[in-house]
C-alpha atoms as a PDB file:
ATOM      1  CA  MET A   1      16.683  16.548   9.804  1.00  0.00           C
ATOM      2  CA  GLU A   2      13.549  18.445  10.751  1.00  0.00           C
ATOM      3  CA  LEU A   3      10.180  17.185   9.565  1.00  0.00           C
ATOM      4  CA  PRO A   4       6.986  19.245   9.597  1.00  0.00           C
ATOM      5  CA  LYS A   5       4.471  18.119  12.243  1.00  0.00           C
ATOM      6  CA  ASP A   6       1.719  17.490   9.685  1.00  0.00           C
ATOM      7  CA  GLU A   7       4.077  15.220   7.714  1.00  0.00           C
ATOM      8  CA  ILE A   8       4.916  13.292  10.889  1.00  0.00           C
ATOM      9  CA  ASP A   9       1.245  12.954  11.859  1.00  0.00           C
ATOM     10  CA  SER A  10       0.288  11.848   8.355  1.00  0.00           C
ATOM     11  CA  ALA A  11       3.063   9.237   8.233  1.00  0.00           C
ATOM     12  CA  LEU A  12       2.187   7.861  11.689  1.00  0.00           C
ATOM     13  CA  GLU A  13      -1.481   7.528  10.699  1.00  0.00           C
ATOM     14  CA  PHE A  14      -0.559   5.847   7.417  1.00  0.00           C
ATOM     15  CA  ILE A  15       1.643   3.317   9.244  1.00  0.00           C
ATOM     16  CA  ARG A  16      -1.131   2.577  11.763  1.00  0.00           C
ATOM     17  CA  ARG A  17      -3.689   2.008   9.008  1.00  0.00           C
ATOM     18  CA  THR A  18      -1.301  -0.069   6.913  1.00  0.00           C
ATOM     19  CA  LYS A  19      -0.620  -2.424   9.823  1.00  0.00           C
ATOM     20  CA  GLY A  20      -4.340  -2.603  10.597  1.00  0.00           C
ATOM     21  CA  ASN A  21      -5.213  -3.520   7.009  1.00  0.00           C
ATOM     22  CA  LEU A  22      -2.498  -6.185   6.911  1.00  0.00           C
ATOM     23  CA  GLU A  23      -3.678  -7.729  10.184  1.00  0.00           C
ATOM     24  CA  PHE A  24      -7.305  -7.712   9.000  1.00  0.00           C
ATOM     25  CA  ILE A  25      -6.500  -9.439   5.695  1.00  0.00           C
ATOM     26  CA  GLU A  26      -4.315 -12.020   7.442  1.00  0.00           C
ATOM     27  CA  PHE A  27      -7.109 -12.718   9.939  1.00  0.00           C
ATOM     28  CA  ALA A  28      -9.673 -13.108   7.138  1.00  0.00           C
ATOM     29  CA  ALA A  29      -7.345 -15.480   5.249  1.00  0.00           C
ATOM     30  CA  GLU A  30      -6.859 -17.589   8.396  1.00  0.00           C
ATOM     31  CA  GLU A  31     -10.624 -17.729   8.951  1.00  0.00           C
ATOM     32  CA  ASP A  32     -11.182 -18.863   5.361  1.00  0.00           C
ATOM     33  CA  GLU A  33      -8.543 -21.549   5.781  1.00  0.00           C
ATOM     34  CA  LYS A  34     -10.082 -22.767   9.068  1.00  0.00           C
ATOM     35  CA  LYS A  35     -13.468 -23.025   7.340  1.00  0.00           C
ATOM     36  CA  GLY A  36     -11.934 -24.964   4.471  1.00  0.00           C
ATOM     37  CA  LYS A  37     -12.851 -22.364   1.878  1.00  0.00           C
ATOM     38  CA  THR A  38     -11.035 -23.056  -1.368  1.00  0.00           C
ATOM     39  CA  ASN A  39     -11.966 -19.857  -3.206  1.00  0.00           C
ATOM     40  CA  ALA A  40      -9.921 -17.092  -1.638  1.00  0.00           C
ATOM     41  CA  ARG A  41     -11.764 -13.906  -0.699  1.00  0.00           C
ATOM     42  CA  VAL A  42      -8.565 -12.181   0.338  1.00  0.00           C
ATOM     43  CA  TRP A  43      -4.955 -12.565  -0.678  1.00  0.00           C
ATOM     44  CA  GLU A  44      -2.604 -12.038   2.242  1.00  0.00           C
ATOM     45  CA  VAL A  45       0.621 -12.044   0.192  1.00  0.00           C
ATOM     46  CA  THR A  46      -0.823  -9.379  -2.109  1.00  0.00           C
ATOM     47  CA  GLN A  47      -1.704  -7.273   0.940  1.00  0.00           C
ATOM     48  CA  LEU A  48       1.763  -7.887   2.420  1.00  0.00           C
ATOM     49  CA  VAL A  49       3.443  -6.634  -0.771  1.00  0.00           C
ATOM     50  CA  ASN A  50       1.073  -3.629  -0.897  1.00  0.00           C
ATOM     51  CA  SER A  51       1.794  -2.870   2.766  1.00  0.00           C
ATOM     52  CA  THR A  52       5.543  -3.138   2.231  1.00  0.00           C
ATOM     53  CA  LEU A  53       5.356  -0.932  -0.838  1.00  0.00           C
ATOM     54  CA  GLY A  54       3.376   1.707   1.039  1.00  0.00           C
ATOM     55  CA  LEU A  55       5.755   1.666   3.992  1.00  0.00           C
ATOM     56  CA  ILE A  56       8.850   2.088   1.828  1.00  0.00           C
ATOM     57  CA  ILE A  57       7.376   4.700  -0.519  1.00  0.00           C
ATOM     58  CA  PHE A  58       5.236   6.881   1.772  1.00  0.00           C
ATOM     59  CA  PRO A  59       7.969   8.161   4.141  1.00  0.00           C
ATOM     60  CA  SER A  60       9.920  11.173   2.936  1.00  0.00           C
ATOM     61  CA  ASP A  61      13.323  10.677   1.336  1.00  0.00           C
ATOM     62  CA  ALA A  62      14.822  12.714   4.191  1.00  0.00           C
ATOM     63  CA  LEU A  63      13.541  10.184   6.743  1.00  0.00           C
ATOM     64  CA  LEU A  64      14.663   7.190   4.685  1.00  0.00           C
ATOM     65  CA  ASP A  65      18.090   8.732   4.050  1.00  0.00           C
ATOM     66  CA  SER A  66      18.642   8.972   7.810  1.00  0.00           C
ATOM     67  CA  ILE A  67      18.291   5.191   8.288  1.00  0.00           C
ATOM     68  CA  THR A  68      21.814   3.877   7.644  1.00  0.00           C
ATOM     69  CA  THR A  69      21.995   0.964  10.076  1.00  0.00           C
ATOM     70  CA  PRO A  70      23.991  -2.041   8.763  1.00  0.00           C
ATOM     71  CA  LEU A  71      21.716  -5.062   8.324  1.00  0.00           C
ATOM     72  CA  HIS A  72      23.900  -7.220  10.592  1.00  0.00           C
ATOM     73  CA  ARG A  73      23.147  -4.786  13.454  1.00  0.00           C
ATOM     74  CA  LEU A  74      19.429  -5.552  13.358  1.00  0.00           C
ATOM     75  CA  PRO A  75      19.408  -8.799  15.385  1.00  0.00           C
ATOM     76  CA  GLU A  76      15.668  -9.427  15.585  1.00  0.00           C
ATOM     77  CA  TRP A  77      15.088  -8.594  11.943  1.00  0.00           C
ATOM     78  CA  PRO A  78      14.933 -11.282   9.260  1.00  0.00           C
ATOM     79  CA  ASP A  79      18.229 -12.308   7.717  1.00  0.00           C
ATOM     80  CA  ILE A  80      17.625 -10.868   4.260  1.00  0.00           C
ATOM     81  CA  LYS A  81      20.633 -11.529   2.101  1.00  0.00           C
ATOM     82  CA  VAL A  82      21.472  -9.424  -0.888  1.00  0.00           C
ATOM     83  CA  VAL A  83      22.289 -12.125  -3.461  1.00  0.00           C
ATOM     84  CA  ARG A  84      23.505  -9.688  -6.097  1.00  0.00           C
ATOM     85  CA  GLY A  85      25.066  -6.320  -5.444  1.00  0.00           C
ATOM     86  CA  SER A  86      27.753  -4.916  -3.224  1.00  0.00           C
ATOM     87  CA  PRO A  87      27.928  -6.496   0.256  1.00  0.00           C
ATOM     88  CA  ALA A  88      29.571  -3.261   1.476  1.00  0.00           C
ATOM     89  CA  LYS A  89      26.213  -1.573   0.922  1.00  0.00           C
ATOM     90  CA  ASP A  90      24.211  -3.993   3.093  1.00  0.00           C
ATOM     91  CA  THR A  91      22.528  -1.276   5.119  1.00  0.00           C
ATOM     92  CA  LEU A  92      18.859  -0.886   5.914  1.00  0.00           C
ATOM     93  CA  HIS A  93      18.811   2.219   3.719  1.00  0.00           C
ATOM     94  CA  GLN A  94      20.216   0.267   0.757  1.00  0.00           C
ATOM     95  CA  LEU A  95      17.770  -2.599   1.339  1.00  0.00           C
ATOM     96  CA  VAL A  96      14.806  -0.210   1.458  1.00  0.00           C
ATOM     97  CA  LYS A  97      16.054   1.636  -1.620  1.00  0.00           C
ATOM     98  CA  GLY A  98      16.470  -1.655  -3.492  1.00  0.00           C
ATOM     99  CA  LEU A  99      13.041  -2.934  -2.461  1.00  0.00           C
ATOM    100  CA  ARG A 100      11.486   0.431  -3.299  1.00  0.00           C
ATOM    101  CA  ASN A 101      12.958   0.546  -6.806  1.00  0.00           C
ATOM    102  CA  GLY A 102      12.385  -3.131  -7.534  1.00  0.00           C
ATOM    103  CA  LEU A 103       8.752  -3.182  -6.456  1.00  0.00           C
ATOM    104  CA  ALA A 104       7.980   0.174  -8.079  1.00  0.00           C
ATOM    105  CA  HIS A 105       9.329  -1.077 -11.425  1.00  0.00           C
ATOM    106  CA  HIS A 106       7.656  -4.499 -11.130  1.00  0.00           C
ATOM    107  CA  ASN A 107      11.001  -6.293 -10.878  1.00  0.00           C
ATOM    108  CA  VAL A 108       9.514  -9.017  -8.727  1.00  0.00           C
ATOM    109  CA  GLU A 109       8.972 -12.731  -9.098  1.00  0.00           C
ATOM    110  CA  PHE A 110       6.482 -14.607  -6.921  1.00  0.00           C
ATOM    111  CA  ILE A 111       7.770 -18.109  -6.211  1.00  0.00           C
ATOM    112  CA  ASN A 112       5.396 -20.895  -5.220  1.00  0.00           C
ATOM    113  CA  GLY A 113       6.237 -23.515  -2.644  1.00  0.00           C
ATOM    114  CA  LYS A 114       5.362 -27.210  -2.810  1.00  0.00           C
ATOM    115  CA  ASP A 115       1.818 -26.406  -1.656  1.00  0.00           C
ATOM    116  CA  LYS A 116       1.361 -24.121  -4.703  1.00  0.00           C
ATOM    117  CA  LYS A 117       1.109 -21.068  -2.429  1.00  0.00           C
ATOM    118  CA  ILE A 118       3.478 -18.125  -2.775  1.00  0.00           C
ATOM    119  CA  SER A 119       6.384 -18.819  -0.438  1.00  0.00           C
ATOM    120  CA  ARG A 120       9.152 -16.484  -1.637  1.00  0.00           C
ATOM    121  CA  LEU A 121       9.801 -13.296  -3.572  1.00  0.00           C
ATOM    122  CA  ARG A 122      12.737 -12.316  -5.713  1.00  0.00           C
ATOM    123  CA  ILE A 123      13.135  -8.561  -6.127  1.00  0.00           C
ATOM    124  CA  TRP A 124      15.806  -6.955  -8.271  1.00  0.00           C
ATOM    125  CA  ASN A 125      17.033  -3.775  -9.951  1.00  0.00           C
ATOM    126  CA  CYS A 126      18.672  -3.303 -13.347  1.00  0.00           C
ATOM    127  CA  THR A 127      20.926  -0.706 -14.917  1.00  0.00           C
ATOM    128  CA  PRO A 128      19.373   1.947 -17.144  1.00  0.00           C
ATOM    129  CA  PRO A 129      18.715   2.665 -19.934  1.00  0.00           C
ATOM    130  CA  GLU A 130      18.128  -0.905 -21.209  1.00  0.00           C
ATOM    131  CA  TYR A 131      17.190  -2.329 -17.793  1.00  0.00           C
ATOM    132  CA  ILE A 132      18.499  -5.787 -18.699  1.00  0.00           C
ATOM    133  CA  GLU A 133      21.555  -6.321 -16.484  1.00  0.00           C
ATOM    134  CA  LYS A 134      20.660  -7.025 -12.855  1.00  0.00           C
ATOM    135  CA  ILE A 135      22.758  -4.995 -10.436  1.00  0.00           C
ATOM    136  CA  TRP A 136      20.938  -5.774  -7.170  1.00  0.00           C
ATOM    137  CA  GLU A 137      18.779  -8.676  -6.033  1.00  0.00           C
ATOM    138  CA  VAL A 138      17.293 -10.198  -2.904  1.00  0.00           C
ATOM    139  CA  SER A 139      15.373 -13.399  -2.344  1.00  0.00           C
ATOM    140  CA  LEU A 140      13.222 -13.604   0.742  1.00  0.00           C
ATOM    141  CA  SER A 141      10.514 -15.751   2.228  1.00  0.00           C
ATOM    142  CA  ILE A 142       7.016 -14.441   2.829  1.00  0.00           C
ATOM    143  CA  ASP A 143       7.627 -14.782   6.588  1.00  0.00           C
ATOM    144  CA  ASP A 144      10.798 -12.696   6.258  1.00  0.00           C
ATOM    145  CA  LEU A 145       8.952 -10.050   4.246  1.00  0.00           C
ATOM    146  CA  ARG A 146       6.240  -9.889   6.903  1.00  0.00           C
ATOM    147  CA  THR A 147       8.801  -9.554   9.693  1.00  0.00           C
ATOM    148  CA  PHE A 148      10.617  -6.862   7.702  1.00  0.00           C
ATOM    149  CA  CYS A 149       7.338  -4.995   7.167  1.00  0.00           C
ATOM    150  CA  ILE A 150       6.459  -5.035  10.876  1.00  0.00           C
ATOM    151  CA  LYS A 151       9.996  -4.213  12.100  1.00  0.00           C
ATOM    152  CA  PHE A 152      10.388  -1.442   9.539  1.00  0.00           C
ATOM    153  CA  SER A 153       7.049   0.111  10.501  1.00  0.00           C
ATOM    154  CA  GLU A 154       8.066  -0.003  14.188  1.00  0.00           C
ATOM    155  CA  MET A 155      11.392   1.654  13.356  1.00  0.00           C
ATOM    156  CA  LEU A 156       9.630   4.376  11.347  1.00  0.00           C
ATOM    157  CA  VAL A 157       7.264   5.066  14.250  1.00  0.00           C
ATOM    158  CA  ARG A 158      10.240   5.413  16.653  1.00  0.00           C
ATOM    159  CA  GLU A 159      12.070   7.698  14.215  1.00  0.00           C
ATOM    160  CA  LEU A 160       8.990   9.832  13.594  1.00  0.00           C
ATOM    161  CA  LYS A 161       8.089  10.133  17.279  1.00  0.00           C
ATOM    162  CA  GLY A 162      11.658  11.262  17.900  1.00  0.00           C
ATOM    163  CA  HIS A 163      10.842  14.345  15.812  1.00  0.00           C
ATOM    164  CA  ILE A 164       7.729  15.350  17.758  1.00  0.00           C
END
């Protein structure tokens, strides 16, 4: 797969900015919490979902199609289990495709923990044309989503730099 240099440069810059925005929002949220502010100025889970969505939508299909690593071969990645769908398709490509479709079609549920803060997400896909029957689903913690976001961005950078 050959990618044009301007596409590579654009993707690398987008990844850098996405990570920077996420880190800034997380820092601001931590500062608010340290100061005991009860009215949130920033929403770190919202930024995390936006960052994840950008990272899984912005890269070209050709780049995403080349990432076929089985999930069990990603040892330092979060253990994201597909709770509905074919276990034979538990590859990074399938996970990204599922997250991409689920988030893009608003098939997401934000689940609060005991502290009333968002602690988990459920993301799923349904069969067309009625979009009622779930055919794929994951449930993951916010920490796992953050780790996925960071690890996936690092993998994209390695893949993209391999094309320079």
